Amino acid sequence: MSITGAGDGPRARGIVATGVHRSFGSVHAVAGVDLTARAGAVTALIGPNGSGKTTLLLMLAGLLVPDAGHLTVDGYDPVTEGYATRALVGWMPDAFGTWDSLTAREVLTTVGAAYRMSRADAASRASELLDTVHLTELADSPARVLSRGQKQRLGLARALVHDPSVLLLDEPAGGLDPRSRVDLRLLLRRLGAEGRTVLVSSHVLTELDEMADDAVFLSRGRTVAAETVQAASAARRTWRVRALSASALAAWLTSVRVPWDAEDSVAPPADAPGALLIALDGEASAAALLKDAVTAGIPVTSLAPAGGALEQTYLSLEEERR
């Protein structure tokens, strides 16, 4: 996919970061990030606190300048083409900001005016987005009366006012209730399907499994892994198996251990008494194990991943074992 710049031909869609560094005094917040976020996909940015996620997002939004390396957002350089970049980026920080004196509707129309939308277009867009994020009933209430979750929803609407082709979202699910989390997931999937580039930072890894197409893992300011969610789901990971008789299950698993893999680990999980954990290579291996267990007369009652695909990838990274 490509877009056309003014007089400069087609530009590549999506986000690319190559060898990006950014320090604050002696603190190396970003110390060598390489990242690609595809247009038409939702990319998860994953890492512990202090790994450089927010600093990277700020640089992509054109709000910080990298010390070294190169960034492009839909083919534009946020450093040398800041105005053009900001015109196509929707930025949602992890906190709403300082606009508490404005009503929810005024917040959105003010942002629309900043993007040079007509008064009528800004008002129409504000009404549309307030409905999208389920804040219509609070449209004319001052932002200061909104809850943390409601402010998050308003922050998402604010990022969407100018219909951006790229979305940068920093912890968008923070403070959201379960229903709003589902709505957010569905909205981001729809925005990605529309061809937008969506880069989302979050600590809620189980939700990212259902929301994201790709994932990039950061640690100590560096990129340490990148993979698709589909590949993470198919990779070797831990599954939880439960049967009416845990002892019969354990005996059977031990008897068939070699055909599966000599390195498979079978162990009782501390958080699920009566169940066992076994390492398997994706859903096909899990389905085969379940079939053989039923054929052998083992009364299996459940078989499911012990955690999300991205969560297990994240926990397996040696970088995070401090």
Protein backbone atom coordinates (compact mmCIF):
# COMPACT_ATOMS: atom_id res chain seq x y z
CA MET A 1 0.00 0.00 0.00
CA SER A 2 1.20 3.54 -0.60
CA ILE A 3 0.13 7.13 -0.33
CA THR A 4 1.20 10.07 -2.44
CA GLY A 5 3.19 12.93 -1.03
CA ALA A 6 2.93 16.42 -2.48
CA GLY A 7 5.10 16.29 -5.59
CA ASP A 8 7.29 13.46 -4.34
CA GLY A 9 5.57 10.31 -5.58
CA PRO A 10 4.21 7.40 -3.57
CA ARG A 11 5.33 6.88 0.01
CA ALA A 12 5.46 3.55 1.82
CA ARG A 13 2.67 2.97 4.32
CA GLY A 14 3.24 1.94 7.91
CA ILE A 15 5.87 2.72 10.54
CA VAL A 16 9.58 1.92 10.35
CA ALA A 17 12.16 2.59 13.07
CA THR A 18 15.82 1.78 12.43
CA GLY A 19 18.56 1.99 15.04
CA VAL A 20 16.71 4.61 17.09
CA HIS A 21 18.34 6.06 20.22
CA ARG A 22 17.18 8.66 22.71
CA SER A 23 18.77 9.60 26.04
CA PHE A 24 17.82 11.94 28.86
CA GLY A 25 21.12 12.89 30.41
CA SER A 26 22.77 9.64 31.51
CA VAL A 27 19.55 7.64 31.11
CA HIS A 28 19.38 5.73 27.82
CA ALA A 29 15.61 5.48 27.39
CA VAL A 30 15.83 4.09 23.85
CA ALA A 31 19.12 2.41 23.01
CA GLY A 32 18.71 0.73 19.65
CA VAL A 33 15.13 0.08 18.57
CA ASP A 34 14.26 -1.51 15.24
CA LEU A 35 10.55 -1.79 14.53
CA THR A 36 8.14 -2.27 11.66
CA ALA A 37 4.39 -1.75 12.04
CA ARG A 38 2.40 -2.72 8.97
CA ALA A 39 -0.44 -0.70 7.49
CA GLY A 40 -3.70 -2.60 7.84
CA ALA A 41 -2.53 -4.33 11.02
CA VAL A 42 -2.48 -3.83 14.78
CA THR A 43 1.04 -4.07 16.20
CA ALA A 44 1.59 -4.56 19.93
CA LEU A 45 4.52 -2.83 21.61
CA ILE A 46 5.41 -4.92 24.67
CA GLY A 47 7.93 -4.42 27.43
CA PRO A 48 8.30 -3.70 31.16
CA ASN A 49 8.15 -0.24 32.67
CA GLY A 50 11.21 1.72 31.62
CA SER A 51 11.81 -0.28 28.43
CA GLY A 52 11.40 2.80 26.20
CA LYS A 53 7.89 2.26 24.85
CA THR A 54 6.49 5.72 25.64
CA THR A 55 9.68 7.47 24.52
CA LEU A 56 9.51 5.66 21.19
CA LEU A 57 5.84 6.60 20.73
CA LEU A 58 6.62 10.25 21.50
CA MET A 59 9.32 10.27 18.83
CA LEU A 60 6.97 8.70 16.29
CA ALA A 61 4.37 11.35 17.15
CA GLY A 62 6.93 14.07 16.45
CA LEU A 63 7.01 15.23 20.07
CA LEU A 64 10.61 14.15 20.73
CA VAL A 65 13.62 14.11 18.42
CA PRO A 66 15.79 10.96 18.36
CA ASP A 67 19.48 11.30 19.12
CA ALA A 68 20.32 8.77 16.41
CA GLY A 69 18.61 6.45 13.97
CA HIS A 70 15.77 7.01 11.54
CA LEU A 71 11.97 7.01 11.75
CA THR A 72 9.31 7.06 9.07
CA VAL A 73 5.55 7.28 9.55
CA ASP A 74 3.64 6.54 6.34
CA GLY A 75 6.83 7.50 4.54
CA TYR A 76 7.29 10.84 6.34
CA ASP A 77 10.15 11.70 8.67
CA PRO A 78 8.74 13.08 11.97
CA VAL A 79 11.90 15.17 12.44
CA THR A 80 12.16 16.90 9.06
CA GLU A 81 8.49 16.64 8.04
CA GLY A 82 6.85 17.24 11.37
CA TYR A 83 3.75 19.04 10.17
CA ALA A 84 2.92 16.39 7.56
CA THR A 85 3.54 13.61 10.08
CA ARG A 86 1.34 15.11 12.77
CA ALA A 87 -1.45 15.62 10.23
CA LEU A 88 -1.75 11.88 9.68
CA VAL A 89 -1.04 10.62 13.21
CA GLY A 90 -3.57 10.09 15.97
CA TRP A 91 -1.73 10.17 19.32
CA MET A 92 -3.27 8.89 22.56
CA PRO A 93 -1.04 9.31 25.65
CA ASP A 94 -1.55 7.16 28.73
CA ALA A 95 -3.12 10.08 30.63
CA PHE A 96 -5.88 12.34 29.34
CA GLY A 97 -4.15 15.69 29.87
CA THR A 98 -5.13 19.07 31.30
CA TRP A 99 -8.35 19.96 29.49
CA ASP A 100 -10.65 19.35 32.45
CA SER A 101 -12.44 22.70 32.12
CA LEU A 102 -13.81 21.82 28.67
CA THR A 103 -16.79 19.59 28.06
CA ALA A 104 -16.25 16.30 26.26
CA ARG A 105 -17.77 17.81 23.10
CA GLU A 106 -15.60 20.94 23.36
CA VAL A 107 -12.48 18.82 23.72
CA LEU A 108 -13.18 17.17 20.38
CA THR A 109 -14.26 20.31 18.51
CA THR A 110 -11.17 22.14 19.79
CA VAL A 111 -8.94 19.38 18.43
CA GLY A 112 -10.88 19.54 15.17
CA ALA A 113 -10.19 23.27 14.93
CA ALA A 114 -6.49 22.61 15.55
CA TYR A 115 -6.53 20.35 12.51
CA ARG A 116 -8.24 23.13 10.52
CA MET A 117 -11.59 21.39 10.26
CA SER A 118 -14.60 23.63 9.69
CA ARG A 119 -16.83 24.29 12.68
CA ALA A 120 -19.62 22.18 11.17
CA ASP A 121 -17.31 19.27 10.30
CA ALA A 122 -15.72 19.33 13.76
CA ALA A 123 -19.14 19.32 15.44
CA SER A 124 -20.36 16.46 13.28
CA ARG A 125 -17.20 14.45 13.89
CA ALA A 126 -17.41 15.08 17.63
CA SER A 127 -20.97 13.73 17.78
CA GLU A 128 -19.97 10.68 15.75
CA LEU A 129 -16.99 9.88 17.97
CA LEU A 130 -18.85 10.48 21.24
CA ASP A 131 -21.31 7.86 20.08
CA THR A 132 -18.49 5.51 19.07
CA VAL A 133 -16.91 5.66 22.54
CA HIS A 134 -20.28 5.66 24.33
CA LEU A 135 -20.01 9.12 25.87
CA THR A 136 -23.02 10.79 24.22
CA GLU A 137 -24.82 11.18 27.56
CA LEU A 138 -21.78 12.99 28.96
CA ALA A 139 -21.09 15.09 25.86
CA ASP A 140 -21.82 18.40 27.57
CA SER A 141 -20.33 17.54 30.95
CA PRO A 142 -16.93 18.99 31.89
CA ALA A 143 -14.11 16.51 31.44
CA ARG A 144 -13.20 16.84 35.12
CA VAL A 145 -16.29 14.84 36.15
CA LEU A 146 -15.35 11.87 33.96
CA SER A 147 -13.94 8.74 35.52
CA ARG A 148 -10.48 7.45 34.59
CA GLY A 149 -12.02 4.99 32.14
CA GLN A 150 -14.30 7.62 30.60
CA LYS A 151 -11.34 9.94 30.13
CA GLN A 152 -9.51 7.11 28.38
CA ARG A 153 -12.43 6.73 25.98
CA LEU A 154 -12.48 10.47 25.37
CA GLY A 155 -8.72 10.37 24.78
CA LEU A 156 -9.24 7.73 22.11
CA ALA A 157 -11.94 9.85 20.46
CA ARG A 158 -9.60 12.84 20.55
CA ALA A 159 -6.94 10.82 18.70
CA LEU A 160 -9.46 9.94 15.98
CA VAL A 161 -10.92 13.41 15.32
CA HIS A 162 -8.97 14.09 12.13
CA ASP A 163 -9.42 10.55 10.73
CA PRO A 164 -5.72 9.65 10.96
CA SER A 165 -4.08 6.90 8.93
CA VAL A 166 -1.72 6.05 11.81
CA LEU A 167 -2.68 5.53 15.46
CA LEU A 168 -0.20 5.60 18.33
CA LEU A 169 -1.85 4.41 21.54
CA ASP A 170 -0.09 4.31 24.92
CA GLU A 171 -1.91 2.02 27.39
CA PRO A 172 -5.37 2.71 25.93
CA ALA A 173 -7.07 0.05 28.10
CA GLY A 174 -5.94 1.60 31.40
CA GLY A 175 -8.93 2.15 33.68
CA LEU A 176 -11.46 0.67 31.29
CA ASP A 177 -14.24 -1.57 32.56
CA PRO A 178 -14.67 -5.04 30.97
CA ARG A 179 -17.34 -3.90 28.49
CA SER A 180 -15.20 -0.95 27.37
CA ARG A 181 -12.19 -3.24 26.94
CA VAL A 182 -14.20 -5.40 24.56
CA ASP A 183 -15.37 -2.29 22.68
CA LEU A 184 -11.77 -1.07 22.41
CA ARG A 185 -10.59 -4.40 21.05
CA LEU A 186 -13.32 -4.46 18.41
CA LEU A 187 -12.69 -0.83 17.43
CA LEU A 188 -8.94 -1.33 16.99
CA ARG A 189 -9.52 -4.46 14.93
CA ARG A 190 -11.90 -2.47 12.71
CA LEU A 191 -9.47 0.43 12.34
CA GLY A 192 -6.71 -1.96 11.32
CA ALA A 193 -9.01 -3.70 8.85
CA GLU A 194 -9.72 -0.30 7.29
CA GLY A 195 -6.04 -0.08 6.31
CA ARG A 196 -4.74 2.09 9.15
CA THR A 197 -1.49 1.45 10.98
CA VAL A 198 -2.20 0.85 14.67
CA LEU A 199 0.68 0.69 17.16
CA VAL A 200 -0.50 0.01 20.70
CA SER A 201 1.48 -0.25 23.92
CA SER A 202 -0.13 -2.23 26.71
CA HIS A 203 0.68 -4.37 29.74
CA VAL A 204 -2.55 -6.37 29.33
CA LEU A 205 -1.00 -9.14 27.24
CA THR A 206 -4.02 -11.45 27.21
CA GLU A 207 -6.03 -8.72 25.48
CA LEU A 208 -3.26 -8.11 22.97
CA ASP A 209 -3.54 -11.77 21.91
CA GLU A 210 -7.03 -11.01 20.60
CA MET A 211 -6.30 -7.47 19.42
CA ALA A 212 -2.93 -7.57 17.68
CA ASP A 213 -1.59 -9.08 14.47
CA ASP A 214 2.09 -8.51 15.23
CA ALA A 215 4.18 -7.89 18.34
CA VAL A 216 7.49 -6.17 19.05
CA PHE A 217 9.17 -6.75 22.41
CA LEU A 218 11.40 -4.10 24.01
CA SER A 219 13.77 -4.43 26.95
CA ARG A 220 16.12 -1.81 28.36
CA GLY A 221 15.53 0.41 25.35
CA ARG A 222 16.28 -2.25 22.74
CA THR A 223 14.25 -4.48 20.45
CA VAL A 224 14.69 -8.05 21.70
CA ALA A 225 12.08 -9.92 19.64
CA ALA A 226 9.41 -9.48 16.98
CA GLU A 227 6.85 -11.96 15.73
CA THR A 228 3.28 -12.34 14.54
CA VAL A 229 0.59 -13.32 17.01
CA GLN A 230 -0.19 -16.31 14.78
CA ALA A 231 3.42 -17.53 15.11
CA ALA A 232 3.35 -17.01 18.87
CA SER A 233 0.17 -19.11 19.10
CA ALA A 234 1.77 -21.93 17.10
CA ALA A 235 5.02 -21.91 19.07
CA ARG A 236 5.89 -24.31 21.85
CA ARG A 237 4.15 -23.22 25.03
CA THR A 238 2.62 -24.55 28.22
CA TRP A 239 -0.88 -26.04 28.33
CA ARG A 240 -2.96 -26.88 31.40
CA VAL A 241 -4.61 -30.33 31.41
CA ARG A 242 -7.23 -31.40 33.94
CA ALA A 243 -8.92 -34.78 34.38
CA LEU A 244 -11.29 -36.39 36.87
CA SER A 245 -8.31 -38.44 38.06
CA ALA A 246 -5.11 -36.41 38.18
CA SER A 247 -3.07 -39.49 39.09
CA ALA A 248 -4.37 -41.45 36.08
CA LEU A 249 -3.66 -38.47 33.86
CA ALA A 250 -0.11 -38.13 35.21
CA ALA A 251 0.58 -41.84 34.76
CA TRP A 252 -0.69 -41.80 31.19
CA LEU A 253 1.25 -38.65 30.27
CA THR A 254 4.41 -40.23 31.62
CA SER A 255 3.81 -43.39 29.60
CA VAL A 256 3.44 -41.49 26.31
CA ARG A 257 6.05 -38.82 27.00
CA VAL A 258 8.68 -40.04 24.51
CA PRO A 259 6.37 -39.99 21.44
CA TRP A 260 5.54 -36.34 22.18
CA ASP A 261 8.95 -34.97 23.01
CA ALA A 262 11.66 -36.08 25.40
CA GLU A 263 11.91 -32.51 26.67
CA ASP A 264 8.20 -32.07 27.46
CA SER A 265 7.73 -31.01 31.04
CA VAL A 266 4.81 -32.40 33.01
CA ALA A 267 4.26 -30.68 36.36
CA PRO A 268 1.40 -29.72 38.67
CA PRO A 269 0.69 -25.96 38.53
CA ALA A 270 0.62 -24.18 41.88
CA ASP A 271 -2.41 -22.13 40.84
CA ALA A 272 -4.56 -25.08 39.72
CA PRO A 273 -4.53 -28.08 42.09
CA GLY A 274 -5.58 -31.27 40.32
CA ALA A 275 -4.32 -30.09 36.92
CA LEU A 276 -1.03 -30.75 35.14
CA LEU A 277 1.14 -28.62 32.88
CA ILE A 278 2.67 -29.95 29.68
CA ALA A 279 4.70 -28.20 26.98
CA LEU A 280 3.24 -28.67 23.48
CA ASP A 281 3.97 -27.34 20.01
CA GLY A 282 0.80 -25.41 19.14
CA GLU A 283 -2.85 -26.33 18.80
CA ALA A 284 -2.28 -29.31 16.49
CA SER A 285 -0.21 -31.06 19.17
CA ALA A 286 -2.80 -30.19 21.80
CA ALA A 287 -5.60 -31.64 19.66
CA ALA A 288 -3.60 -34.83 19.08
CA LEU A 289 -2.88 -35.17 22.80
CA LEU A 290 -6.55 -34.76 23.66
CA LYS A 291 -7.59 -37.34 21.04
CA ASP A 292 -5.10 -39.91 22.36
CA ALA A 293 -6.10 -39.27 25.97
CA VAL A 294 -9.78 -39.84 25.23
CA THR A 295 -8.93 -42.98 23.22
CA ALA A 296 -6.94 -44.26 26.21
CA GLY A 297 -9.93 -43.73 28.48
CA ILE A 298 -8.45 -40.81 30.43
CA PRO A 299 -11.37 -38.65 31.70
CA VAL A 300 -10.02 -35.28 30.53
CA THR A 301 -12.25 -32.38 31.58
CA SER A 302 -10.26 -29.47 30.13
CA LEU A 303 -7.24 -28.63 28.00
CA ALA A 304 -6.24 -25.00 27.43
CA PRO A 305 -3.15 -22.78 27.18
CA ALA A 306 -1.81 -21.89 30.61
CA GLY A 307 -1.45 -18.29 29.46
CA GLY A 308 -1.74 -16.06 26.41
CA ALA A 309 0.59 -16.60 23.48
CA LEU A 310 2.25 -13.18 23.82
CA GLU A 311 2.44 -13.52 27.59
CA GLN A 312 4.34 -16.79 27.30
CA THR A 313 6.67 -15.32 24.67
CA TYR A 314 7.31 -12.34 26.92
CA LEU A 315 7.99 -14.50 29.98
CA SER A 316 10.35 -16.70 27.97
CA LEU A 317 12.64 -13.81 27.05
CA GLU A 318 15.93 -14.14 28.89
CA GLU A 319 16.20 -10.33 28.79
CA GLU A 320 13.47 -10.03 31.41
CA ARG A 321 15.00 -12.42 33.92
CA ARG A 322 16.64 -9.97 36.28
